[in-house]
All heavy atoms as atom14 arrays in JSON, in Angstrom:
{
  "sequence": "GDFNEPQRKIVSLTADFMGRYFGCKVKIRDDLPLSLIPD",
  "atom14_mask": [
    [1, 1, 1, 1, 0, 0, 0, 0, 0, 0, 0, 0, 0, 0],
    [1, 1, 1, 1, 1, 1, 1, 1, 0, 0, 0, 0, 0, 0],
    [1, 1, 1, 1, 1, 1, 1, 1, 1, 1, 1, 0, 0, 0],
    [1, 1, 1, 1, 1, 1, 1, 1, 0, 0, 0, 0, 0, 0],
    [1, 1, 1, 1, 1, 1, 1, 1, 1, 0, 0, 0, 0, 0],
    [1, 1, 1, 1, 1, 1, 1, 0, 0, 0, 0, 0, 0, 0],
    [1, 1, 1, 1, 1, 1, 1, 1, 1, 0, 0, 0, 0, 0],
    [1, 1, 1, 1, 1, 1, 1, 1, 1, 1, 1, 0, 0, 0],
    [1, 1, 1, 1, 1, 1, 1, 1, 1, 0, 0, 0, 0, 0],
    [1, 1, 1, 1, 1, 1, 1, 1, 0, 0, 0, 0, 0, 0],
    [1, 1, 1, 1, 1, 1, 1, 0, 0, 0, 0, 0, 0, 0],
    [1, 1, 1, 1, 1, 1, 0, 0, 0, 0, 0, 0, 0, 0],
    [1, 1, 1, 1, 1, 1, 1, 1, 0, 0, 0, 0, 0, 0],
    [1, 1, 1, 1, 1, 1, 1, 0, 0, 0, 0, 0, 0, 0],
    [1, 1, 1, 1, 1, 0, 0, 0, 0, 0, 0, 0, 0, 0],
    [1, 1, 1, 1, 1, 1, 1, 1, 0, 0, 0, 0, 0, 0],
    [1, 1, 1, 1, 1, 1, 1, 1, 1, 1, 1, 0, 0, 0],
    [1, 1, 1, 1, 1, 1, 1, 1, 0, 0, 0, 0, 0, 0],
    [1, 1, 1, 1, 0, 0, 0, 0, 0, 0, 0, 0, 0, 0],
    [1, 1, 1, 1, 1, 1, 1, 1, 1, 1, 1, 0, 0, 0],
    [1, 1, 1, 1, 1, 1, 1, 1, 1, 1, 1, 1, 0, 0],
    [1, 1, 1, 1, 1, 1, 1, 1, 1, 1, 1, 0, 0, 0],
    [1, 1, 1, 1, 0, 0, 0, 0, 0, 0, 0, 0, 0, 0],
    [1, 1, 1, 1, 1, 1, 0, 0, 0, 0, 0, 0, 0, 0],
    [1, 1, 1, 1, 1, 1, 1, 1, 1, 0, 0, 0, 0, 0],
    [1, 1, 1, 1, 1, 1, 1, 0, 0, 0, 0, 0, 0, 0],
    [1, 1, 1, 1, 1, 1, 1, 1, 1, 0, 0, 0, 0, 0],
    [1, 1, 1, 1, 1, 1, 1, 1, 0, 0, 0, 0, 0, 0],
    [1, 1, 1, 1, 1, 1, 1, 1, 1, 1, 1, 0, 0, 0],
    [1, 1, 1, 1, 1, 1, 1, 1, 0, 0, 0, 0, 0, 0],
    [1, 1, 1, 1, 1, 1, 1, 1, 0, 0, 0, 0, 0, 0],
    [1, 1, 1, 1, 1, 1, 1, 1, 0, 0, 0, 0, 0, 0],
    [1, 1, 1, 1, 1, 1, 1, 0, 0, 0, 0, 0, 0, 0],
    [1, 1, 1, 1, 1, 1, 1, 1, 0, 0, 0, 0, 0, 0],
    [1, 1, 1, 1, 1, 1, 0, 0, 0, 0, 0, 0, 0, 0],
    [1, 1, 1, 1, 1, 1, 1, 1, 0, 0, 0, 0, 0, 0],
    [1, 1, 1, 1, 1, 1, 1, 1, 0, 0, 0, 0, 0, 0],
    [1, 1, 1, 1, 1, 1, 1, 0, 0, 0, 0, 0, 0, 0],
    [1, 1, 1, 1, 1, 1, 1, 1, 0, 0, 0, 0, 0, 0]
  ],
  "atom14_positions": [
    [[96.88, 132.67, 130.3], [96.58, 132.87, 131.76], [96.12, 131.65, 132.52], [96.33, 130.51, 132.01], [0.0, 0.0, 0.0], [0.0, 0.0, 0.0], [0.0, 0.0, 0.0], [0.0, 0.0, 0.0], [0.0, 0.0, 0.0], [0.0, 0.0, 0.0], [0.0, 0.0, 0.0], [0.0, 0.0, 0.0], [0.0, 0.0, 0.0], [0.0, 0.0, 0.0]],
    [[95.41, 131.85, 133.57], [95.01, 130.74, 134.45], [93.62, 130.3, 134.19], [92.74, 131.17, 133.84], [95.19, 131.12, 135.94], [96.63, 131.46, 136.31], [97.55, 130.73, 135.75], [96.89, 132.31, 137.11], [0.0, 0.0, 0.0], [0.0, 0.0, 0.0], [0.0, 0.0, 0.0], [0.0, 0.0, 0.0], [0.0, 0.0, 0.0], [0.0, 0.0, 0.0]],
    [[93.27, 129.03, 134.4], [91.94, 128.43, 134.29], [91.66, 127.51, 135.39], [92.5, 126.77, 135.8], [91.86, 127.72, 132.92], [92.1, 128.56, 131.68], [93.4, 128.65, 131.17], [91.02, 129.16, 131.04], [93.67, 129.42, 130.07], [91.34, 129.92, 129.88], [92.62, 130.07, 129.46], [0.0, 0.0, 0.0], [0.0, 0.0, 0.0], [0.0, 0.0, 0.0]],
    [[90.44, 127.45, 135.89], [90.03, 126.43, 136.78], [89.61, 125.14, 135.97], [89.59, 125.15, 134.7], [88.92, 126.84, 137.73], [87.66, 127.29, 137.03], [87.22, 126.64, 136.05], [87.1, 128.43, 137.39], [0.0, 0.0, 0.0], [0.0, 0.0, 0.0], [0.0, 0.0, 0.0], [0.0, 0.0, 0.0], [0.0, 0.0, 0.0], [0.0, 0.0, 0.0]],
    [[89.36, 124.06, 136.7], [89.1, 122.84, 135.99], [87.9, 122.84, 135.01], [88.03, 122.38, 133.85], [88.96, 121.68, 136.93], [89.05, 120.3, 136.34], [90.37, 120.01, 135.62], [91.39, 120.49, 136.02], [90.31, 119.33, 134.57], [0.0, 0.0, 0.0], [0.0, 0.0, 0.0], [0.0, 0.0, 0.0], [0.0, 0.0, 0.0], [0.0, 0.0, 0.0]],
    [[86.73, 123.35, 135.47], [85.61, 123.45, 134.51], [85.96, 124.32, 133.28], [85.51, 124.05, 132.19], [84.5, 124.06, 135.34], [84.84, 123.68, 136.71], [86.33, 123.75, 136.85], [0.0, 0.0, 0.0], [0.0, 0.0, 0.0], [0.0, 0.0, 0.0], [0.0, 0.0, 0.0], [0.0, 0.0, 0.0], [0.0, 0.0, 0.0], [0.0, 0.0, 0.0]],
    [[86.71, 125.42, 133.5], [87.12, 126.23, 132.38], [88.0, 125.48, 131.37], [87.93, 125.67, 130.2], [87.82, 127.48, 132.9], [86.88, 128.47, 133.58], [87.64, 129.65, 134.25], [88.81, 129.54, 134.6], [87.0, 130.73, 134.44], [0.0, 0.0, 0.0], [0.0, 0.0, 0.0], [0.0, 0.0, 0.0], [0.0, 0.0, 0.0], [0.0, 0.0, 0.0]],
    [[88.91, 124.65, 131.93], [89.71, 123.76, 131.12], [88.89, 122.8, 130.28], [89.15, 122.6, 129.07], [90.66, 122.91, 131.98], [91.72, 123.67, 132.63], [92.91, 123.98, 131.7], [93.99, 124.65, 132.36], [94.98, 125.26, 131.77], [95.05, 125.23, 130.44], [95.86, 125.89, 132.46], [0.0, 0.0, 0.0], [0.0, 0.0, 0.0], [0.0, 0.0, 0.0]],
    [[87.78, 122.35, 130.89], [86.9, 121.55, 130.05], [86.22, 122.31, 128.97], [85.98, 121.74, 127.88], [85.79, 120.99, 131.04], [84.86, 119.97, 130.36], [83.85, 119.37, 131.35], [82.98, 118.33, 130.66], [82.0, 117.69, 131.58], [0.0, 0.0, 0.0], [0.0, 0.0, 0.0], [0.0, 0.0, 0.0], [0.0, 0.0, 0.0], [0.0, 0.0, 0.0]],
    [[85.85, 123.54, 129.27], [85.27, 124.38, 128.21], [86.22, 124.53, 127.07], [85.86, 124.47, 125.86], [84.96, 125.84, 128.81], [83.81, 125.66, 129.85], [84.56, 126.8, 127.68], [82.41, 125.34, 129.34], [0.0, 0.0, 0.0], [0.0, 0.0, 0.0], [0.0, 0.0, 0.0], [0.0, 0.0, 0.0], [0.0, 0.0, 0.0], [0.0, 0.0, 0.0]],
    [[87.52, 124.75, 127.35], [88.54, 124.86, 126.31], [88.55, 123.59, 125.47], [88.52, 123.66, 124.21], [89.92, 125.09, 126.88], [90.99, 125.13, 125.84], [89.93, 126.44, 127.66], [0.0, 0.0, 0.0], [0.0, 0.0, 0.0], [0.0, 0.0, 0.0], [0.0, 0.0, 0.0], [0.0, 0.0, 0.0], [0.0, 0.0, 0.0], [0.0, 0.0, 0.0]],
    [[88.62, 122.43, 126.11], [88.69, 121.17, 125.34], [87.5, 120.93, 124.47], [87.6, 120.56, 123.32], [88.88, 120.04, 126.39], [88.94, 118.81, 125.74], [0.0, 0.0, 0.0], [0.0, 0.0, 0.0], [0.0, 0.0, 0.0], [0.0, 0.0, 0.0], [0.0, 0.0, 0.0], [0.0, 0.0, 0.0], [0.0, 0.0, 0.0], [0.0, 0.0, 0.0]],
    [[86.27, 121.16, 125.08], [85.09, 120.95, 124.3], [84.95, 121.92, 123.17], [84.5, 121.6, 122.06], [83.82, 121.13, 125.21], [83.66, 119.94, 126.23], [82.53, 120.33, 127.18], [83.36, 118.66, 125.55], [0.0, 0.0, 0.0], [0.0, 0.0, 0.0], [0.0, 0.0, 0.0], [0.0, 0.0, 0.0], [0.0, 0.0, 0.0], [0.0, 0.0, 0.0]],
    [[85.39, 123.19, 123.37], [85.35, 124.18, 122.29], [86.26, 123.79, 121.21], [85.93, 123.89, 119.97], [85.72, 125.54, 122.84], [84.78, 125.91, 123.88], [85.7, 126.58, 121.73], [0.0, 0.0, 0.0], [0.0, 0.0, 0.0], [0.0, 0.0, 0.0], [0.0, 0.0, 0.0], [0.0, 0.0, 0.0], [0.0, 0.0, 0.0], [0.0, 0.0, 0.0]],
    [[87.45, 123.21, 121.46], [88.3, 122.75, 120.47], [87.67, 121.69, 119.6], [87.78, 121.64, 118.37], [89.6, 122.28, 121.06], [0.0, 0.0, 0.0], [0.0, 0.0, 0.0], [0.0, 0.0, 0.0], [0.0, 0.0, 0.0], [0.0, 0.0, 0.0], [0.0, 0.0, 0.0], [0.0, 0.0, 0.0], [0.0, 0.0, 0.0], [0.0, 0.0, 0.0]],
    [[87.01, 120.74, 120.28], [86.29, 119.7, 119.64], [85.25, 120.24, 118.65], [85.11, 119.79, 117.46], [85.69, 118.75, 120.68], [85.0, 117.57, 120.08], [85.01, 117.33, 118.85], [84.39, 116.78, 120.81], [0.0, 0.0, 0.0], [0.0, 0.0, 0.0], [0.0, 0.0, 0.0], [0.0, 0.0, 0.0], [0.0, 0.0, 0.0], [0.0, 0.0, 0.0]],
    [[84.41, 121.19, 119.18], [83.37, 121.74, 118.38], [83.84, 122.47, 117.15], [83.33, 122.35, 116.05], [82.52, 122.68, 119.3], [81.28, 123.2, 118.62], [80.11, 122.49, 118.57], [81.24, 124.49, 118.1], [78.95, 122.98, 118.02], [80.13, 125.01, 117.5], [78.97, 124.26, 117.48], [0.0, 0.0, 0.0], [0.0, 0.0, 0.0], [0.0, 0.0, 0.0]],
    [[84.93, 123.21, 117.33], [85.53, 123.99, 116.25], [85.99, 123.15, 115.17], [85.85, 123.39, 113.98], [86.58, 124.87, 116.77], [86.2, 126.0, 117.66], [87.54, 126.94, 118.35], [88.25, 127.65, 116.92], [0.0, 0.0, 0.0], [0.0, 0.0, 0.0], [0.0, 0.0, 0.0], [0.0, 0.0, 0.0], [0.0, 0.0, 0.0], [0.0, 0.0, 0.0]],
    [[86.52, 121.97, 115.43], [87.01, 121.03, 114.43], [85.86, 120.56, 113.6], [85.97, 120.41, 112.37], [0.0, 0.0, 0.0], [0.0, 0.0, 0.0], [0.0, 0.0, 0.0], [0.0, 0.0, 0.0], [0.0, 0.0, 0.0], [0.0, 0.0, 0.0], [0.0, 0.0, 0.0], [0.0, 0.0, 0.0], [0.0, 0.0, 0.0], [0.0, 0.0, 0.0]],
    [[84.73, 120.27, 114.25], [83.57, 119.82, 113.56], [82.91, 121.02, 112.73], [82.38, 120.79, 111.62], [82.51, 119.29, 114.57], [82.96, 118.13, 115.38], [82.01, 117.88, 116.55], [82.53, 116.92, 117.49], [82.02, 115.69, 117.67], [81.01, 115.28, 116.85], [82.54, 114.88, 118.56], [0.0, 0.0, 0.0], [0.0, 0.0, 0.0], [0.0, 0.0, 0.0]],
    [[82.9, 122.14, 113.23], [82.31, 123.32, 112.68], [82.94, 123.76, 111.38], [82.28, 124.12, 110.41], [82.34, 124.47, 113.73], [81.38, 125.57, 113.6], [80.14, 125.5, 114.25], [81.62, 126.75, 112.88], [79.2, 126.54, 114.18], [80.72, 127.78, 112.81], [79.51, 127.73, 113.48], [78.63, 128.71, 113.42], [0.0, 0.0, 0.0], [0.0, 0.0, 0.0]],
    [[84.35, 123.71, 111.38], [85.07, 124.18, 110.26], [85.69, 123.04, 109.4], [86.26, 123.38, 108.34], [86.15, 125.13, 110.67], [85.66, 126.51, 111.24], [85.59, 126.67, 112.56], [85.1, 127.45, 110.38], [85.08, 127.86, 113.12], [84.6, 128.62, 110.91], [84.57, 128.81, 112.25], [0.0, 0.0, 0.0], [0.0, 0.0, 0.0], [0.0, 0.0, 0.0]],
    [[85.66, 121.88, 109.86], [86.29, 120.73, 109.13], [87.74, 120.8, 109.12], [88.33, 120.36, 108.1], [0.0, 0.0, 0.0], [0.0, 0.0, 0.0], [0.0, 0.0, 0.0], [0.0, 0.0, 0.0], [0.0, 0.0, 0.0], [0.0, 0.0, 0.0], [0.0, 0.0, 0.0], [0.0, 0.0, 0.0], [0.0, 0.0, 0.0], [0.0, 0.0, 0.0]],
    [[88.32, 121.36, 110.16], [89.79, 121.49, 110.24], [90.31, 120.81, 111.49], [89.52, 120.71, 112.47], [90.18, 123.0, 110.28], [89.86, 123.93, 108.81], [0.0, 0.0, 0.0], [0.0, 0.0, 0.0], [0.0, 0.0, 0.0], [0.0, 0.0, 0.0], [0.0, 0.0, 0.0], [0.0, 0.0, 0.0], [0.0, 0.0, 0.0], [0.0, 0.0, 0.0]],
    [[91.53, 120.38, 111.5], [92.17, 119.86, 112.69], [92.44, 120.95, 113.62], [92.83, 122.1, 113.23], [93.5, 119.15, 112.29], [94.14, 118.4, 113.45], [95.39, 117.61, 112.97], [95.96, 116.84, 114.1], [97.14, 116.01, 113.63], [0.0, 0.0, 0.0], [0.0, 0.0, 0.0], [0.0, 0.0, 0.0], [0.0, 0.0, 0.0], [0.0, 0.0, 0.0]],
    [[92.19, 120.71, 114.91], [92.4, 121.71, 115.99], [93.35, 121.17, 117.02], [93.26, 120.04, 117.5], [91.05, 122.09, 116.7], [91.26, 123.11, 117.8], [90.04, 122.59, 115.63], [0.0, 0.0, 0.0], [0.0, 0.0, 0.0], [0.0, 0.0, 0.0], [0.0, 0.0, 0.0], [0.0, 0.0, 0.0], [0.0, 0.0, 0.0], [0.0, 0.0, 0.0]],
    [[94.34, 122.03, 117.35], [95.34, 121.63, 118.35], [95.4, 122.7, 119.5], [95.37, 123.91, 119.17], [96.72, 121.46, 117.7], [96.88, 120.3, 116.81], [98.34, 120.18, 116.22], [98.53, 119.0, 115.41], [99.97, 118.85, 114.9], [0.0, 0.0, 0.0], [0.0, 0.0, 0.0], [0.0, 0.0, 0.0], [0.0, 0.0, 0.0], [0.0, 0.0, 0.0]],
    [[95.51, 122.27, 120.74], [95.66, 123.15, 121.86], [97.13, 123.23, 122.2], [97.74, 122.2, 122.44], [94.82, 122.67, 123.03], [93.32, 122.56, 122.66], [95.01, 123.55, 124.23], [92.42, 122.02, 123.79], [0.0, 0.0, 0.0], [0.0, 0.0, 0.0], [0.0, 0.0, 0.0], [0.0, 0.0, 0.0], [0.0, 0.0, 0.0], [0.0, 0.0, 0.0]],
    [[97.59, 124.41, 122.3], [99.03, 124.63, 122.61], [99.26, 124.74, 124.14], [98.3, 124.93, 124.83], [99.54, 125.94, 121.9], [99.31, 125.93, 120.4], [99.95, 127.13, 119.76], [101.38, 126.86, 119.48], [102.18, 127.79, 119.05], [101.77, 129.03, 118.84], [103.48, 127.52, 118.72], [0.0, 0.0, 0.0], [0.0, 0.0, 0.0], [0.0, 0.0, 0.0]],
    [[100.55, 124.72, 124.55], [100.82, 124.88, 125.97], [100.49, 126.29, 126.39], [100.52, 127.19, 125.56], [102.36, 124.66, 126.16], [102.74, 123.16, 125.92], [101.84, 122.3, 126.05], [103.95, 122.93, 125.69], [0.0, 0.0, 0.0], [0.0, 0.0, 0.0], [0.0, 0.0, 0.0], [0.0, 0.0, 0.0], [0.0, 0.0, 0.0], [0.0, 0.0, 0.0]],
    [[100.15, 126.44, 127.68], [99.72, 127.74, 128.18], [100.79, 128.79, 128.03], [101.97, 128.53, 128.08], [99.35, 127.59, 129.68], [98.12, 126.81, 129.94], [97.62, 126.22, 128.98], [97.72, 126.75, 131.06], [0.0, 0.0, 0.0], [0.0, 0.0, 0.0], [0.0, 0.0, 0.0], [0.0, 0.0, 0.0], [0.0, 0.0, 0.0], [0.0, 0.0, 0.0]],
    [[100.27, 130.06, 127.84], [101.23, 131.25, 128.02], [100.75, 132.01, 129.24], [99.55, 132.13, 129.49], [101.12, 132.11, 126.73], [101.74, 131.63, 125.5], [101.44, 132.58, 124.39], [103.24, 131.36, 125.59], [0.0, 0.0, 0.0], [0.0, 0.0, 0.0], [0.0, 0.0, 0.0], [0.0, 0.0, 0.0], [0.0, 0.0, 0.0], [0.0, 0.0, 0.0]],
    [[101.7, 132.59, 130.06], [101.28, 133.31, 131.28], [100.87, 134.73, 130.91], [101.29, 135.32, 129.95], [102.58, 133.3, 132.04], [103.71, 133.3, 131.0], [103.2, 132.43, 129.9], [0.0, 0.0, 0.0], [0.0, 0.0, 0.0], [0.0, 0.0, 0.0], [0.0, 0.0, 0.0], [0.0, 0.0, 0.0], [0.0, 0.0, 0.0], [0.0, 0.0, 0.0]],
    [[99.99, 135.31, 131.76], [99.55, 136.57, 131.6], [100.69, 137.61, 131.84], [100.54, 138.83, 131.45], [98.41, 136.95, 132.6], [97.01, 136.59, 132.18], [95.99, 137.05, 133.21], [96.64, 137.13, 130.84], [0.0, 0.0, 0.0], [0.0, 0.0, 0.0], [0.0, 0.0, 0.0], [0.0, 0.0, 0.0], [0.0, 0.0, 0.0], [0.0, 0.0, 0.0]],
    [[101.78, 137.16, 132.43], [102.86, 138.06, 132.67], [103.57, 138.57, 131.37], [104.31, 139.53, 131.33], [103.96, 137.37, 133.47], [104.45, 136.14, 132.82], [0.0, 0.0, 0.0], [0.0, 0.0, 0.0], [0.0, 0.0, 0.0], [0.0, 0.0, 0.0], [0.0, 0.0, 0.0], [0.0, 0.0, 0.0], [0.0, 0.0, 0.0], [0.0, 0.0, 0.0]],
    [[103.21, 137.92, 130.26], [103.63, 138.38, 128.92], [102.96, 139.64, 128.49], [103.4, 140.3, 127.52], [103.45, 137.23, 127.89], [104.34, 135.99, 128.01], [103.9, 134.94, 127.0], [105.79, 136.33, 127.84], [0.0, 0.0, 0.0], [0.0, 0.0, 0.0], [0.0, 0.0, 0.0], [0.0, 0.0, 0.0], [0.0, 0.0, 0.0], [0.0, 0.0, 0.0]],
    [[101.85, 139.96, 129.12], [101.13, 141.13, 128.79], [101.63, 142.31, 129.62], [101.55, 142.29, 130.91], [99.59, 141.07, 129.05], [99.03, 139.78, 128.4], [98.83, 142.28, 128.64], [99.09, 139.8, 126.83], [0.0, 0.0, 0.0], [0.0, 0.0, 0.0], [0.0, 0.0, 0.0], [0.0, 0.0, 0.0], [0.0, 0.0, 0.0], [0.0, 0.0, 0.0]],
    [[102.22, 143.39, 129.06], [102.79, 144.48, 129.82], [101.7, 145.23, 130.58], [100.49, 145.25, 130.23], [103.51, 145.32, 128.79], [102.78, 145.03, 127.5], [102.36, 143.59, 127.61], [0.0, 0.0, 0.0], [0.0, 0.0, 0.0], [0.0, 0.0, 0.0], [0.0, 0.0, 0.0], [0.0, 0.0, 0.0], [0.0, 0.0, 0.0], [0.0, 0.0, 0.0]],
    [[102.1, 146.03, 131.53], [101.16, 146.82, 132.31], [100.4, 147.83, 131.42], [99.26, 148.15, 131.66], [101.92, 147.62, 133.37], [102.44, 146.72, 134.48], [101.95, 145.54, 134.6], [103.28, 147.15, 135.25], [0.0, 0.0, 0.0], [0.0, 0.0, 0.0], [0.0, 0.0, 0.0], [0.0, 0.0, 0.0], [0.0, 0.0, 0.0], [0.0, 0.0, 0.0]]
  ]
}
């Protein structure tokens, strides 16, 4: 779905934190649209 700029920052920071928390590499994939969710 859609994100504003501060929300994008939250995504990026969360990915960083998760890598430290679990000791695993974290990758952010390209967006998927909400249109993939049926009515």
